[in-house]
Amino acid sequence: MKTDVVVVGAGPAECAAAYDLASRGVHVLLLDRTEFPRKKVCAGGLTVKARRALPYSIEPVVQRTVRSLAVSCRLRRQRVLPGKDPICYMVDRPAFDLFCLQQTITAGAVFKVVERIDSIVESRGGVRMITDRGSICCRYLIGADGVHSRVRLLTGRFEAIRFGFGVEGIVAGLPGNDPGMGFDFDRVGGGYGWAFSKKDHINVGLYTLRSQTLIRHQDLADYVFRRLGGATPGQVSGYRLGIGGWRYRPGQGRVLLAGDAAGLVDPLLGEGLYHAIVSGRKAARAVVDAMDTGCDACRSYETALTPIRRELLFAMITAAVFYRLPDLGFALLTSPAARIPLMGGFARGMPLLALVLNAYRFWLGRI
């Protein structure tokens, strides 16, 4: 089978890349290991910046719009940071992923289930993949197949990736102390607990950026018991997150990595959708430019990723300081000096670095 571009993975980031390619008339094949809808472990909080990064509206799958943020440090000193405008949109990931795939297929992409990729051979003229469904040849390959990326493994690109870890579960129903959207910092070392309310359930979890920190199912059960007054989580799952993308360099050639596969998860909050979507679309643009002009797609992509790498490095430095001194970090976070630009920046879809650099404008009322 031959096509112009193969995108491995069919999540929101991969679909955004394939959508842009198909909309430009490029023949694109979208691969995933499973049919959709599929189970996807994810808190399901879509930030304003992530929603704006998508090339289509997701209004049909938004279950709840959040305007305020509840925070605590070790479940003590709980504070609510109020806001007037939306800061996050709650979605059910299986339904959200299926919706994104449907938009992409409508744009002209072809979706195919491939359970296993055995080899990837890159040459000057293209890329050849051997899969359980046969051979696939393409001019360019975008690997956005998650933290355990088969494309990354088989091509040997970005061996410096690091891993965060999360455990999440579901609490059925919405109790009287419905948290809306809450973060409980330092509940685990180098991370936090979360509680995100959806239409008929609460997604709960624990996250750490430290790969050596052990989070057990019992740790989640204990957190939920305290956070939600005796509730018990079900459907508990653990998963890794790809971190360290400020070190990712695409190099040269015809294989590009995006999202978790390139370690583009924000280490401070473990949020991966925004950078995954943006990197997927930037990869698509680099491929289109290469097909139009003959330039090296990887080199163009590396230049386009510079702002993302800068943001991730700043987030890593911030996370290292915040989680080493959580009491001081929490006091600063909940102070008016930080709260006003924080909530305003979230509502405007600003990345953390841009938010910090423009904080004075919020204080002066210029934003």
Protein backbone atom coordinates (compact mmCIF):
# COMPACT_ATOMS: atom_id res chain seq x y z
CA MET A 1 0.00 0.00 0.00
CA LYS A 2 1.31 3.47 -0.90
CA THR A 3 0.29 6.91 0.36
CA ASP A 4 1.79 10.37 0.84
CA VAL A 5 1.84 10.47 4.66
CA VAL A 6 1.22 7.93 7.40
CA VAL A 7 0.22 9.19 10.85
CA VAL A 8 0.60 6.50 13.53
CA GLY A 9 -1.92 6.90 16.33
CA ALA A 10 -5.46 8.27 16.03
CA GLY A 11 -5.89 10.40 19.15
CA PRO A 12 -6.73 14.13 19.05
CA ALA A 13 -3.16 15.20 18.21
CA GLU A 14 -2.76 12.66 15.44
CA CYS A 15 -6.19 13.51 14.09
CA ALA A 16 -5.31 17.21 14.07
CA ALA A 17 -2.23 16.43 11.98
CA ALA A 18 -4.13 14.16 9.60
CA TYR A 19 -7.01 16.66 9.37
CA ASP A 20 -4.66 19.44 8.28
CA LEU A 21 -2.94 17.19 5.75
CA ALA A 22 -6.18 15.88 4.27
CA SER A 23 -7.61 19.40 4.10
CA ARG A 24 -4.62 20.38 1.96
CA GLY A 25 -5.29 17.54 -0.46
CA VAL A 26 -2.53 15.26 0.85
CA HIS A 27 -3.26 11.52 0.79
CA VAL A 28 -2.94 10.54 4.45
CA LEU A 29 -3.35 7.20 6.18
CA LEU A 30 -4.19 7.24 9.89
CA LEU A 31 -3.24 4.07 11.82
CA ASP A 32 -4.22 2.85 15.26
CA ARG A 33 -4.11 -0.45 17.11
CA THR A 34 -7.83 -0.50 17.95
CA GLU A 35 -11.21 0.42 16.58
CA PHE A 36 -12.99 3.45 18.03
CA PRO A 37 -14.50 4.23 20.49
CA ARG A 38 -11.69 2.92 22.64
CA LYS A 39 -10.85 3.07 26.33
CA LYS A 40 -8.43 5.92 27.00
CA VAL A 41 -6.86 6.67 30.36
CA CYS A 42 -6.98 10.46 30.73
CA ALA A 43 -8.41 12.99 33.19
CA GLY A 44 -10.37 14.54 30.32
CA GLY A 45 -9.79 18.21 31.13
CA LEU A 46 -9.32 20.21 27.93
CA THR A 47 -7.75 23.61 28.54
CA VAL A 48 -8.84 26.72 26.67
CA LYS A 49 -5.53 26.77 24.79
CA ALA A 50 -5.97 23.10 23.76
CA ARG A 51 -9.50 23.71 22.55
CA ARG A 52 -8.36 26.71 20.51
CA ALA A 53 -5.50 24.67 19.01
CA LEU A 54 -7.93 22.21 17.40
CA PRO A 55 -8.98 22.92 13.79
CA TYR A 56 -12.67 22.25 14.50
CA SER A 57 -15.29 22.89 17.19
CA ILE A 58 -15.73 20.25 19.92
CA GLU A 59 -18.93 21.71 21.37
CA PRO A 60 -20.93 18.46 20.81
CA VAL A 61 -18.71 16.49 23.24
CA VAL A 62 -18.16 19.06 26.02
CA GLN A 63 -19.81 17.75 29.19
CA ARG A 64 -19.04 20.63 31.52
CA THR A 65 -17.47 24.08 31.41
CA VAL A 66 -15.29 25.08 34.37
CA ARG A 67 -14.72 28.67 35.52
CA SER A 68 -13.14 28.24 38.96
CA LEU A 69 -10.35 26.13 40.39
CA ALA A 70 -10.22 24.48 43.84
CA VAL A 71 -6.69 23.95 45.20
CA SER A 72 -5.08 22.72 48.40
CA CYS A 73 -1.71 21.61 49.72
CA ARG A 74 -1.89 18.06 51.15
CA LEU A 75 -5.68 18.49 51.44
CA ARG A 76 -5.18 21.35 53.87
CA ARG A 77 -5.74 25.10 53.43
CA GLN A 78 -8.24 24.56 50.65
CA ARG A 79 -8.88 27.61 48.49
CA VAL A 80 -11.14 28.32 45.54
CA LEU A 81 -9.68 30.51 42.80
CA PRO A 82 -12.71 32.14 41.17
CA GLY A 83 -12.96 33.20 37.56
CA LYS A 84 -15.54 34.77 35.28
CA ASP A 85 -14.58 33.05 32.04
CA PRO A 86 -14.07 29.36 31.16
CA ILE A 87 -10.65 27.91 32.03
CA CYS A 88 -11.29 24.26 31.15
CA TYR A 89 -13.76 22.02 29.32
CA MET A 90 -14.54 18.55 30.63
CA VAL A 91 -14.83 15.74 28.09
CA ASP A 92 -15.14 11.97 28.18
CA ARG A 93 -11.99 10.84 26.36
CA PRO A 94 -13.45 7.86 24.44
CA ALA A 95 -16.26 10.06 23.09
CA PHE A 96 -13.89 12.97 22.45
CA ASP A 97 -11.39 10.78 20.58
CA LEU A 98 -14.14 9.25 18.45
CA PHE A 99 -15.45 12.71 17.59
CA CYS A 100 -11.99 13.89 16.50
CA LEU A 101 -11.51 10.78 14.36
CA GLN A 102 -14.87 11.33 12.67
CA GLN A 103 -13.95 14.92 11.80
CA THR A 104 -10.66 13.74 10.34
CA ILE A 105 -12.22 11.01 8.21
CA THR A 106 -14.77 13.54 6.94
CA ALA A 107 -11.85 15.77 5.90
CA GLY A 108 -10.53 12.97 3.69
CA ALA A 109 -8.10 10.92 5.81
CA VAL A 110 -8.22 7.11 5.60
CA PHE A 111 -8.33 5.21 8.90
CA LYS A 112 -6.97 1.69 9.23
CA VAL A 113 -6.46 -0.63 12.22
CA VAL A 114 -2.94 -2.05 12.40
CA GLU A 115 -2.23 -4.04 15.53
CA ARG A 116 1.53 -4.39 15.11
CA ILE A 117 4.37 -2.57 13.34
CA ASP A 118 7.36 -4.90 12.89
CA SER A 119 9.86 -2.63 11.17
CA ILE A 120 10.38 0.86 9.79
CA VAL A 121 12.98 1.50 7.11
CA GLU A 122 13.72 5.08 6.12
CA SER A 123 15.44 5.94 2.83
CA ARG A 124 16.12 9.08 0.81
CA GLY A 125 12.93 8.55 -1.14
CA GLY A 126 10.49 7.58 1.59
CA VAL A 127 9.59 5.29 4.47
CA ARG A 128 8.59 1.62 4.36
CA MET A 129 6.70 -0.01 7.22
CA ILE A 130 6.11 -3.72 7.69
CA THR A 131 2.94 -4.37 9.68
CA ASP A 132 0.65 -7.26 10.51
CA ARG A 133 -1.55 -6.00 7.66
CA GLY A 134 1.27 -5.92 5.12
CA SER A 135 3.73 -3.37 3.78
CA ILE A 136 2.95 0.36 3.78
CA CYS A 137 5.09 2.86 1.88
CA CYS A 138 4.86 6.60 2.32
CA ARG A 139 6.83 9.78 1.68
CA TYR A 140 6.66 10.91 5.33
CA LEU A 141 5.82 9.31 8.67
CA ILE A 142 4.48 11.14 11.74
CA GLY A 143 4.76 9.07 14.91
CA ALA A 144 2.25 10.29 17.48
CA ASP A 145 1.56 6.89 19.00
CA GLY A 146 1.90 7.81 22.64
CA VAL A 147 4.38 7.42 25.44
CA HIS A 148 5.26 3.83 24.42
CA SER A 149 5.70 4.88 20.79
CA ARG A 150 6.51 2.01 18.47
CA VAL A 151 7.73 4.53 15.89
CA ARG A 152 10.19 6.02 18.38
CA LEU A 153 11.42 2.56 19.40
CA LEU A 154 11.92 1.23 15.87
CA THR A 155 13.60 4.38 14.52
CA GLY A 156 15.79 5.04 17.57
CA ARG A 157 14.76 8.69 17.72
CA PHE A 158 14.71 10.54 21.03
CA GLU A 159 16.16 8.00 23.42
CA ALA A 160 16.42 10.72 26.11
CA ILE A 161 12.69 10.67 26.86
CA ARG A 162 11.72 10.65 30.55
CA PHE A 163 8.54 9.42 32.19
CA GLY A 164 6.02 10.76 34.65
CA PHE A 165 3.37 8.51 36.13
CA GLY A 166 -0.33 8.71 36.93
CA VAL A 167 -3.05 6.54 38.47
CA GLU A 168 -6.68 7.40 37.86
CA GLY A 169 -10.15 6.09 38.56
CA ILE A 170 -13.84 6.92 38.33
CA VAL A 171 -16.27 7.81 41.12
CA ALA A 172 -19.86 7.34 39.97
CA GLY A 173 -22.32 10.15 40.61
CA LEU A 174 -21.74 13.71 41.79
CA PRO A 175 -21.65 14.11 45.59
CA GLY A 176 -22.78 17.15 47.53
CA ASN A 177 -19.21 18.38 47.76
CA ASP A 178 -18.79 18.30 43.98
CA PRO A 179 -15.25 19.67 43.42
CA GLY A 180 -15.81 20.95 39.88
CA MET A 181 -12.11 21.02 39.09
CA GLY A 182 -9.61 20.53 41.91
CA PHE A 183 -5.88 20.05 42.41
CA ASP A 184 -4.43 18.90 45.74
CA PHE A 185 -0.71 19.59 45.52
CA ASP A 186 1.95 17.50 47.26
CA ARG A 187 -0.46 14.64 47.86
CA VAL A 188 2.32 12.57 46.30
CA GLY A 189 5.95 13.57 45.98
CA GLY A 190 6.58 15.70 42.90
CA GLY A 191 2.94 15.90 42.00
CA TYR A 192 -0.68 16.23 43.07
CA GLY A 193 -4.11 14.65 43.30
CA TRP A 194 -6.96 15.76 41.06
CA ALA A 195 -10.75 15.58 40.96
CA PHE A 196 -12.53 16.58 37.74
CA SER A 197 -16.33 16.52 37.65
CA LYS A 198 -18.02 15.38 34.45
CA LYS A 199 -21.71 15.02 33.59
CA ASP A 200 -22.43 12.00 35.79
CA HIS A 201 -19.13 11.03 37.45
CA ILE A 202 -15.87 12.37 38.86
CA ASN A 203 -12.49 11.49 37.35
CA VAL A 204 -9.92 11.25 40.16
CA GLY A 205 -6.21 10.56 40.13
CA LEU A 206 -2.68 11.06 41.35
CA TYR A 207 0.21 12.36 39.22
CA THR A 208 3.96 12.64 39.74
CA LEU A 209 6.70 13.82 37.41
CA ARG A 210 9.25 11.73 39.33
CA SER A 211 9.68 8.33 37.74
CA GLN A 212 11.06 6.90 41.00
CA THR A 213 7.93 7.81 42.99
CA LEU A 214 5.68 4.79 43.53
CA ILE A 215 1.91 5.35 43.37
CA ARG A 216 -0.24 2.37 44.32
CA HIS A 217 -3.93 1.77 43.78
CA GLN A 218 -4.35 2.02 47.55
CA ASP A 219 -2.81 5.49 47.49
CA LEU A 220 -5.57 6.57 45.11
CA ALA A 221 -8.24 4.92 47.25
CA ASP A 222 -6.95 6.75 50.35
CA TYR A 223 -6.88 10.07 48.49
CA VAL A 224 -10.42 9.67 47.17
CA PHE A 225 -11.71 8.62 50.59
CA ARG A 226 -10.42 11.86 52.09
CA ARG A 227 -11.12 14.11 49.12
CA LEU A 228 -14.70 13.00 48.48
CA GLY A 229 -15.85 11.92 51.91
CA GLY A 230 -15.69 8.15 51.79
CA ALA A 231 -16.14 7.49 48.07
CA THR A 232 -14.38 4.55 46.40
CA PRO A 233 -12.85 4.76 42.91
CA GLY A 234 -13.55 2.17 40.24
CA GLN A 235 -11.94 1.38 36.87
CA VAL A 236 -8.50 2.19 38.31
CA SER A 237 -5.63 2.32 35.81
CA GLY A 238 -1.99 3.39 35.89
CA TYR A 239 -0.08 4.94 33.00
CA ARG A 240 3.11 6.71 32.01
CA LEU A 241 3.45 10.20 30.54
CA GLY A 242 6.18 11.28 28.12
CA ILE A 243 8.33 14.07 29.58
CA GLY A 244 11.57 15.73 28.51
CA GLY A 245 10.52 17.13 25.14
CA TRP A 246 12.70 20.20 25.57
CA ARG A 247 15.52 17.81 24.58
CA TYR A 248 13.78 16.41 21.50
CA ARG A 249 15.49 17.17 18.20
CA PRO A 250 13.88 15.73 15.04
CA GLY A 251 17.23 15.57 13.23
CA GLN A 252 16.92 15.01 9.49
CA GLY A 253 14.83 12.84 7.24
CA ARG A 254 11.24 11.73 6.91
CA VAL A 255 10.19 10.59 10.40
CA LEU A 256 8.73 13.12 12.86
CA LEU A 257 7.53 12.51 16.43
CA ALA A 258 4.71 14.44 18.11
CA GLY A 259 2.90 14.52 21.44
CA ASP A 260 3.77 11.98 24.15
CA ALA A 261 6.00 10.13 21.68
CA ALA A 262 8.30 13.18 21.70
CA GLY A 263 8.00 13.76 25.46
CA LEU A 264 5.87 16.89 25.04
CA VAL A 265 3.80 16.55 28.24
CA ASP A 266 3.92 19.58 30.55
CA PRO A 267 5.88 18.32 33.62
CA LEU A 268 4.24 20.80 36.01
CA LEU A 269 0.65 19.57 35.65
CA GLY A 270 1.06 16.51 33.43
CA GLU A 271 -1.13 18.09 30.75
CA GLY A 272 -0.36 16.65 27.34
CA LEU A 273 -3.20 17.47 24.97
CA TYR A 274 -2.22 21.05 24.16
CA HIS A 275 1.37 20.39 23.10
CA ALA A 276 0.31 17.16 21.41
CA ILE A 277 -2.24 18.96 19.24
CA VAL A 278 0.10 21.86 18.46
CA SER A 279 3.04 19.58 17.66
CA GLY A 280 0.86 17.37 15.46
CA ARG A 281 -0.28 20.36 13.42
CA LYS A 282 3.28 21.72 13.21
CA ALA A 283 4.49 18.34 11.98
CA ALA A 284 1.78 18.36 9.32
CA ARG A 285 2.80 21.85 8.22
CA ALA A 286 6.46 20.84 8.01
CA VAL A 287 5.54 17.88 5.82
CA VAL A 288 3.39 20.01 3.51
CA ASP A 289 6.23 22.56 3.17
CA ALA A 290 8.68 19.76 2.39
CA MET A 291 6.39 18.32 -0.28
CA ASP A 292 5.90 21.77 -1.82
CA THR A 293 9.46 23.09 -1.69
CA GLY A 294 11.76 20.10 -1.22
CA CYS A 295 13.09 21.37 2.13
CA ASP A 296 13.92 18.92 4.93
CA ALA A 297 10.73 18.33 6.93
CA CYS A 298 12.57 17.46 10.16
CA ARG A 299 14.64 20.65 10.07
CA SER A 300 11.53 22.75 9.48
CA TYR A 301 9.75 20.91 12.26
CA GLU A 302 12.63 21.50 14.68
CA THR A 303 12.42 25.25 14.08
CA ALA A 304 8.65 25.19 14.58
CA LEU A 305 9.04 23.29 17.87
CA THR A 306 11.34 25.91 19.42
CA PRO A 307 8.54 27.74 21.31
CA ILE A 308 7.20 24.44 22.66
CA ARG A 309 10.62 23.31 23.85
CA ARG A 310 11.09 26.69 25.56
CA GLU A 311 7.71 26.40 27.30
CA LEU A 312 8.44 22.84 28.46
CA LEU A 313 11.85 23.76 29.86
CA PHE A 314 10.32 26.66 31.79
CA ALA A 315 7.58 24.34 33.10
CA MET A 316 10.22 21.83 34.21
CA ILE A 317 12.17 24.48 36.11
CA THR A 318 8.95 25.75 37.68
CA ALA A 319 7.90 22.21 38.64
CA ALA A 320 11.30 21.46 40.20
CA VAL A 321 11.03 24.53 42.44
CA PHE A 322 7.29 24.22 43.17
CA TYR A 323 7.37 20.56 44.19
CA ARG A 324 10.57 20.96 46.21
CA LEU A 325 9.00 23.81 48.20
CA PRO A 326 5.27 23.02 48.01
CA ASP A 327 4.18 25.16 50.98
CA LEU A 328 5.89 28.23 49.61
CA GLY A 329 4.65 27.45 46.10
CA PHE A 330 1.08 27.04 47.33
CA ALA A 331 1.21 30.32 49.25
CA LEU A 332 2.38 32.10 46.11
CA LEU A 333 -0.17 30.32 43.92
CA THR A 334 -3.10 31.43 46.09
CA SER A 335 -1.91 35.00 46.61
CA PRO A 336 -3.71 37.76 44.67
CA ALA A 337 -0.43 38.58 42.93
CA ALA A 338 -0.45 35.16 41.24
CA ARG A 339 -4.16 34.30 41.24
CA ILE A 340 -5.26 37.21 39.06
CA PRO A 341 -2.85 36.60 36.15
CA LEU A 342 -3.17 32.82 36.58
CA MET A 343 -6.93 32.66 36.15
CA GLY A 344 -6.91 35.40 33.54
CA GLY A 345 -4.17 33.67 31.58
CA PHE A 346 -5.91 30.30 31.69
CA ALA A 347 -9.12 31.89 30.41
CA ARG A 348 -7.23 33.47 27.51
CA GLY A 349 -5.48 30.24 26.58
CA MET A 350 -2.00 31.47 27.42
CA PRO A 351 0.88 29.01 27.96
CA LEU A 352 2.57 29.29 31.38
CA LEU A 353 5.65 31.13 30.12
CA ALA A 354 3.59 33.73 28.27
CA LEU A 355 1.37 34.09 31.33
CA VAL A 356 4.33 34.79 33.61
CA LEU A 357 5.92 37.23 31.18
CA ASN A 358 2.64 39.14 30.89
CA ALA A 359 1.60 38.99 34.57
CA TYR A 360 2.16 42.71 35.07
CA ARG A 361 -0.39 43.46 32.35
CA PHE A 362 -3.07 41.66 34.34
CA TRP A 363 -2.13 43.61 37.47
CA LEU A 364 -2.38 46.85 35.52
CA GLY A 365 -5.70 45.82 33.96
CA ARG A 366 -4.32 45.92 30.43
CA ILE A 367 -5.47 42.38 29.56
